[in-house]
Each structure stands twice: as structure tokens, then as C-alpha cells.
Amino acid sequence: MVYQPMLIREISRGGAMVETRFPLHLNSLHDLRLSLGGRTVVVKGRVVHSQVSDVQSDVVVHWTGIEFVEPSEHVSDAIAEFLETVRVSRDR
């Protein structure tokens, strides 16, 4: 197992858009460790699309859509709570 950092650009209950410095192959499955505020959860995700977003000097930036695959209730609840916390903080 290889751990690679990625930046979450968008997240919903069903998936996420992530930014990486490496390509992820379509339909490949990955275990993702998500830091959601004060909680960390692990969810399996399937790559549904990927594109080159930018080329900066010698670095290629990839934006990849990940669909969460059968997330547990614990994971779904953690994502929902995180999204609600973000929504409330934006409304202030």
C-alpha cells in the first residue's frame, strides 16, 4: 500500500473531486483517508473521471472524480456532519 497526498477540491455525500500530482486510472479502486475537521475516516472510492488541470513548470496537476463505494453509515454520517459544519460556518 502506498500513501499519496491529495487535495480535496469538492466533496459530497456521494464522492469527491481531488487534485493530485499523479494520474489515477479510470475505474480503479482506492482506500481514501479523509480528514474531515476533527474526524478522520477511511472510505473506498472508484475513479469515475480524470483530467489534466494544469501544467506548472515540470509538474502536471490532475483533477479526478471519485465515487464513494458503499460507504459505511459511520462514514456517511461523518461526511454529512462535516458538510453541515461547513455550511453553517459559511452562513455566519
N, C-alpha and C. Protein backbone atom coordinates (compact mmCIF):
# COMPACT_ATOMS: atom_id res chain seq x y z
N MET A 1 0.85 -1.17 0.00
CA MET A 1 0.00 0.00 0.00
C MET A 1 0.89 1.24 0.00
N VAL A 2 0.56 2.18 -0.85
CA VAL A 2 1.33 3.41 -0.97
C VAL A 2 0.43 4.58 -0.60
N TYR A 3 0.90 5.42 0.30
CA TYR A 3 0.15 6.60 0.69
C TYR A 3 0.60 7.79 -0.13
N GLN A 4 -0.36 8.47 -0.76
CA GLN A 4 -0.07 9.64 -1.58
C GLN A 4 -0.99 10.77 -1.14
N PRO A 5 -0.43 11.96 -0.95
CA PRO A 5 -1.30 13.08 -0.57
C PRO A 5 -2.14 13.55 -1.75
N MET A 6 -3.34 14.03 -1.43
CA MET A 6 -4.20 14.63 -2.44
C MET A 6 -4.99 15.73 -1.77
N LEU A 7 -5.36 16.70 -2.56
CA LEU A 7 -6.13 17.84 -2.08
C LEU A 7 -7.58 17.65 -2.49
N ILE A 8 -8.50 17.75 -1.53
CA ILE A 8 -9.92 17.63 -1.85
C ILE A 8 -10.40 18.99 -2.32
N ARG A 9 -10.86 19.07 -3.56
CA ARG A 9 -11.38 20.30 -4.15
C ARG A 9 -12.86 20.47 -3.85
N GLU A 10 -13.61 19.37 -3.91
CA GLU A 10 -15.05 19.35 -3.63
C GLU A 10 -15.37 18.02 -2.98
N ILE A 11 -16.40 18.03 -2.12
CA ILE A 11 -16.83 16.77 -1.51
C ILE A 11 -18.34 16.81 -1.32
N SER A 12 -18.96 15.66 -1.49
CA SER A 12 -20.38 15.50 -1.24
C SER A 12 -20.57 14.15 -0.56
N ARG A 13 -21.80 13.83 -0.27
CA ARG A 13 -22.06 12.52 0.35
C ARG A 13 -21.70 11.36 -0.58
N GLY A 14 -21.74 11.61 -1.90
CA GLY A 14 -21.52 10.53 -2.85
C GLY A 14 -20.12 10.43 -3.42
N GLY A 15 -19.29 11.48 -3.21
CA GLY A 15 -17.96 11.41 -3.79
C GLY A 15 -17.18 12.69 -3.59
N ALA A 16 -16.08 12.78 -4.32
CA ALA A 16 -15.20 13.94 -4.17
C ALA A 16 -14.45 14.22 -5.46
N MET A 17 -14.05 15.46 -5.61
CA MET A 17 -13.13 15.86 -6.68
C MET A 17 -11.79 16.13 -5.99
N VAL A 18 -10.77 15.41 -6.41
CA VAL A 18 -9.46 15.55 -5.77
C VAL A 18 -8.42 16.04 -6.77
N GLU A 19 -7.41 16.69 -6.24
CA GLU A 19 -6.29 17.17 -7.05
C GLU A 19 -5.05 16.39 -6.64
N THR A 20 -4.36 15.85 -7.64
CA THR A 20 -3.14 15.08 -7.38
C THR A 20 -2.04 15.51 -8.35
N ARG A 21 -0.84 15.09 -8.07
CA ARG A 21 0.30 15.32 -8.95
C ARG A 21 0.60 14.08 -9.79
N PHE A 22 -0.33 13.13 -9.75
CA PHE A 22 -0.16 11.85 -10.46
C PHE A 22 -1.51 11.42 -11.01
N PRO A 23 -1.54 10.67 -12.09
CA PRO A 23 -2.81 10.22 -12.65
C PRO A 23 -3.39 9.04 -11.87
N LEU A 24 -4.70 8.98 -11.82
CA LEU A 24 -5.40 7.81 -11.28
C LEU A 24 -6.19 7.20 -12.43
N HIS A 25 -6.16 5.89 -12.54
CA HIS A 25 -6.75 5.19 -13.68
C HIS A 25 -8.26 5.04 -13.51
N LEU A 26 -8.98 5.24 -14.62
CA LEU A 26 -10.44 5.08 -14.62
C LEU A 26 -10.84 3.72 -14.07
N ASN A 27 -11.89 3.72 -13.25
CA ASN A 27 -12.48 2.53 -12.63
C ASN A 27 -11.59 1.86 -11.59
N SER A 28 -10.42 2.44 -11.30
CA SER A 28 -9.59 1.85 -10.25
C SER A 28 -10.19 2.16 -8.88
N LEU A 29 -9.97 1.27 -7.92
CA LEU A 29 -10.48 1.42 -6.57
C LEU A 29 -9.35 1.83 -5.63
N HIS A 30 -9.67 2.73 -4.70
CA HIS A 30 -8.67 3.24 -3.76
C HIS A 30 -9.29 3.40 -2.39
N ASP A 31 -8.52 3.12 -1.35
CA ASP A 31 -8.93 3.45 0.00
C ASP A 31 -8.46 4.87 0.27
N LEU A 32 -9.39 5.74 0.64
CA LEU A 32 -9.08 7.15 0.87
C LEU A 32 -9.24 7.46 2.35
N ARG A 33 -8.22 8.07 2.93
CA ARG A 33 -8.31 8.54 4.31
C ARG A 33 -8.66 10.02 4.25
N LEU A 34 -9.84 10.38 4.73
CA LEU A 34 -10.33 11.75 4.67
C LEU A 34 -10.26 12.39 6.05
N SER A 35 -9.63 13.55 6.13
CA SER A 35 -9.63 14.34 7.36
C SER A 35 -10.76 15.35 7.25
N LEU A 36 -11.78 15.16 8.06
CA LEU A 36 -12.98 15.99 8.00
C LEU A 36 -13.10 16.77 9.30
N GLY A 37 -12.46 17.93 9.33
CA GLY A 37 -12.44 18.69 10.59
C GLY A 37 -11.66 17.91 11.62
N GLY A 38 -12.31 17.54 12.71
CA GLY A 38 -11.64 16.80 13.77
C GLY A 38 -11.74 15.30 13.64
N ARG A 39 -12.39 14.81 12.60
CA ARG A 39 -12.56 13.37 12.41
C ARG A 39 -11.80 12.90 11.18
N THR A 40 -11.35 11.65 11.24
CA THR A 40 -10.71 11.02 10.10
C THR A 40 -11.45 9.72 9.82
N VAL A 41 -11.80 9.50 8.56
CA VAL A 41 -12.49 8.28 8.16
C VAL A 41 -11.79 7.70 6.94
N VAL A 42 -12.01 6.42 6.71
CA VAL A 42 -11.48 5.74 5.52
C VAL A 42 -12.67 5.24 4.71
N VAL A 43 -12.64 5.55 3.42
CA VAL A 43 -13.72 5.15 2.52
C VAL A 43 -13.12 4.63 1.22
N LYS A 44 -13.77 3.65 0.63
CA LYS A 44 -13.33 3.13 -0.66
C LYS A 44 -13.94 4.01 -1.75
N GLY A 45 -13.12 4.34 -2.76
CA GLY A 45 -13.60 5.17 -3.84
C GLY A 45 -13.19 4.61 -5.19
N ARG A 46 -14.04 4.87 -6.19
CA ARG A 46 -13.78 4.43 -7.57
C ARG A 46 -13.59 5.67 -8.43
N VAL A 47 -12.55 5.65 -9.26
CA VAL A 47 -12.27 6.77 -10.15
C VAL A 47 -13.28 6.75 -11.29
N VAL A 48 -14.03 7.87 -11.45
CA VAL A 48 -15.04 7.94 -12.49
C VAL A 48 -14.64 8.87 -13.64
N HIS A 49 -13.76 9.81 -13.37
CA HIS A 49 -13.19 10.62 -14.45
C HIS A 49 -11.92 11.28 -13.96
N SER A 50 -11.06 11.65 -14.90
CA SER A 50 -9.81 12.30 -14.56
C SER A 50 -9.36 13.15 -15.74
N GLN A 51 -8.77 14.29 -15.43
CA GLN A 51 -8.28 15.17 -16.48
C GLN A 51 -7.06 15.93 -15.99
N VAL A 52 -6.23 16.35 -16.93
CA VAL A 52 -5.12 17.22 -16.59
C VAL A 52 -5.70 18.61 -16.40
N SER A 53 -5.45 19.19 -15.24
CA SER A 53 -5.99 20.50 -14.91
C SER A 53 -5.02 21.61 -15.28
N ASP A 54 -3.74 21.36 -15.05
CA ASP A 54 -2.75 22.41 -15.24
C ASP A 54 -1.37 21.79 -15.38
N VAL A 55 -0.50 22.50 -16.05
CA VAL A 55 0.91 22.11 -16.13
C VAL A 55 1.70 23.31 -15.63
N GLN A 56 2.39 23.12 -14.50
CA GLN A 56 3.17 24.20 -13.88
C GLN A 56 4.63 23.77 -13.86
N SER A 57 5.45 24.44 -14.64
CA SER A 57 6.87 24.07 -14.78
C SER A 57 6.96 22.61 -15.17
N ASP A 58 7.47 21.77 -14.27
CA ASP A 58 7.60 20.35 -14.56
C ASP A 58 6.54 19.52 -13.84
N VAL A 59 5.53 20.16 -13.29
CA VAL A 59 4.52 19.46 -12.51
C VAL A 59 3.18 19.46 -13.25
N VAL A 60 2.60 18.27 -13.39
CA VAL A 60 1.29 18.13 -14.01
C VAL A 60 0.27 17.95 -12.89
N VAL A 61 -0.82 18.72 -12.94
CA VAL A 61 -1.87 18.65 -11.92
C VAL A 61 -3.08 17.94 -12.52
N HIS A 62 -3.56 16.91 -11.83
CA HIS A 62 -4.71 16.12 -12.28
C HIS A 62 -5.90 16.37 -11.37
N TRP A 63 -7.07 16.57 -11.95
CA TRP A 63 -8.33 16.63 -11.20
C TRP A 63 -9.07 15.34 -11.49
N THR A 64 -9.45 14.65 -10.42
CA THR A 64 -10.06 13.33 -10.55
C THR A 64 -11.34 13.25 -9.74
N GLY A 65 -12.39 12.73 -10.39
CA GLY A 65 -13.66 12.49 -9.71
C GLY A 65 -13.69 11.10 -9.11
N ILE A 66 -14.00 11.04 -7.83
CA ILE A 66 -14.04 9.78 -7.10
C ILE A 66 -15.47 9.54 -6.61
N GLU A 67 -16.01 8.38 -6.88
CA GLU A 67 -17.32 7.99 -6.36
C GLU A 67 -17.08 7.10 -5.14
N PHE A 68 -17.70 7.44 -4.01
CA PHE A 68 -17.57 6.60 -2.83
C PHE A 68 -18.34 5.31 -3.06
N VAL A 69 -17.71 4.18 -2.76
CA VAL A 69 -18.31 2.87 -3.00
C VAL A 69 -18.79 2.29 -1.66
N GLU A 70 -20.10 2.16 -1.55
CA GLU A 70 -20.74 1.57 -0.38
C GLU A 70 -20.13 2.07 0.93
N PRO A 71 -20.19 3.38 1.16
CA PRO A 71 -19.64 3.89 2.43
C PRO A 71 -20.46 3.38 3.61
N SER A 72 -19.79 3.12 4.71
CA SER A 72 -20.49 2.66 5.90
C SER A 72 -21.35 3.81 6.45
N GLU A 73 -22.26 3.48 7.33
CA GLU A 73 -23.10 4.50 7.95
C GLU A 73 -22.23 5.49 8.72
N HIS A 74 -21.20 4.98 9.38
CA HIS A 74 -20.27 5.84 10.13
C HIS A 74 -19.62 6.88 9.22
N VAL A 75 -19.17 6.44 8.06
CA VAL A 75 -18.52 7.35 7.10
C VAL A 75 -19.54 8.34 6.54
N SER A 76 -20.70 7.86 6.15
CA SER A 76 -21.74 8.75 5.61
C SER A 76 -22.13 9.81 6.63
N ASP A 77 -22.28 9.41 7.89
CA ASP A 77 -22.62 10.36 8.95
C ASP A 77 -21.52 11.39 9.14
N ALA A 78 -20.25 10.96 9.11
CA ALA A 78 -19.13 11.87 9.29
C ALA A 78 -19.08 12.90 8.16
N ILE A 79 -19.31 12.46 6.93
CA ILE A 79 -19.31 13.38 5.79
C ILE A 79 -20.47 14.36 5.91
N ALA A 80 -21.65 13.87 6.25
CA ALA A 80 -22.83 14.74 6.39
C ALA A 80 -22.60 15.78 7.48
N GLU A 81 -22.03 15.38 8.61
CA GLU A 81 -21.76 16.32 9.70
C GLU A 81 -20.73 17.36 9.28
N PHE A 82 -19.71 16.94 8.55
CA PHE A 82 -18.69 17.87 8.07
C PHE A 82 -19.31 18.89 7.12
N LEU A 83 -20.13 18.42 6.18
CA LEU A 83 -20.76 19.32 5.22
C LEU A 83 -21.68 20.31 5.93
N GLU A 84 -22.40 19.86 6.94
CA GLU A 84 -23.28 20.76 7.70
C GLU A 84 -22.45 21.80 8.46
N THR A 85 -21.34 21.39 9.03
CA THR A 85 -20.46 22.33 9.75
C THR A 85 -19.93 23.40 8.80
N VAL A 86 -19.53 23.00 7.61
CA VAL A 86 -19.04 23.95 6.61
C VAL A 86 -20.16 24.89 6.19
N ARG A 87 -21.35 24.37 5.95
CA ARG A 87 -22.49 25.19 5.54
C ARG A 87 -22.81 26.24 6.61
N VAL A 88 -22.87 25.82 7.87
CA VAL A 88 -23.19 26.73 8.96
C VAL A 88 -22.12 27.82 9.10
N SER A 89 -20.86 27.43 8.97
CA SER A 89 -19.79 28.43 9.11
C SER A 89 -19.81 29.44 7.97
N ARG A 90 -20.25 29.04 6.80
CA ARG A 90 -20.36 29.98 5.66
C ARG A 90 -21.54 30.94 5.81
N ASP A 91 -22.59 30.47 6.50
CA ASP A 91 -23.78 31.29 6.68
C ASP A 91 -23.60 32.40 7.73
N ARG A 92 -22.56 32.31 8.50
CA ARG A 92 -22.34 33.31 9.56
C ARG A 92 -21.88 34.61 9.02
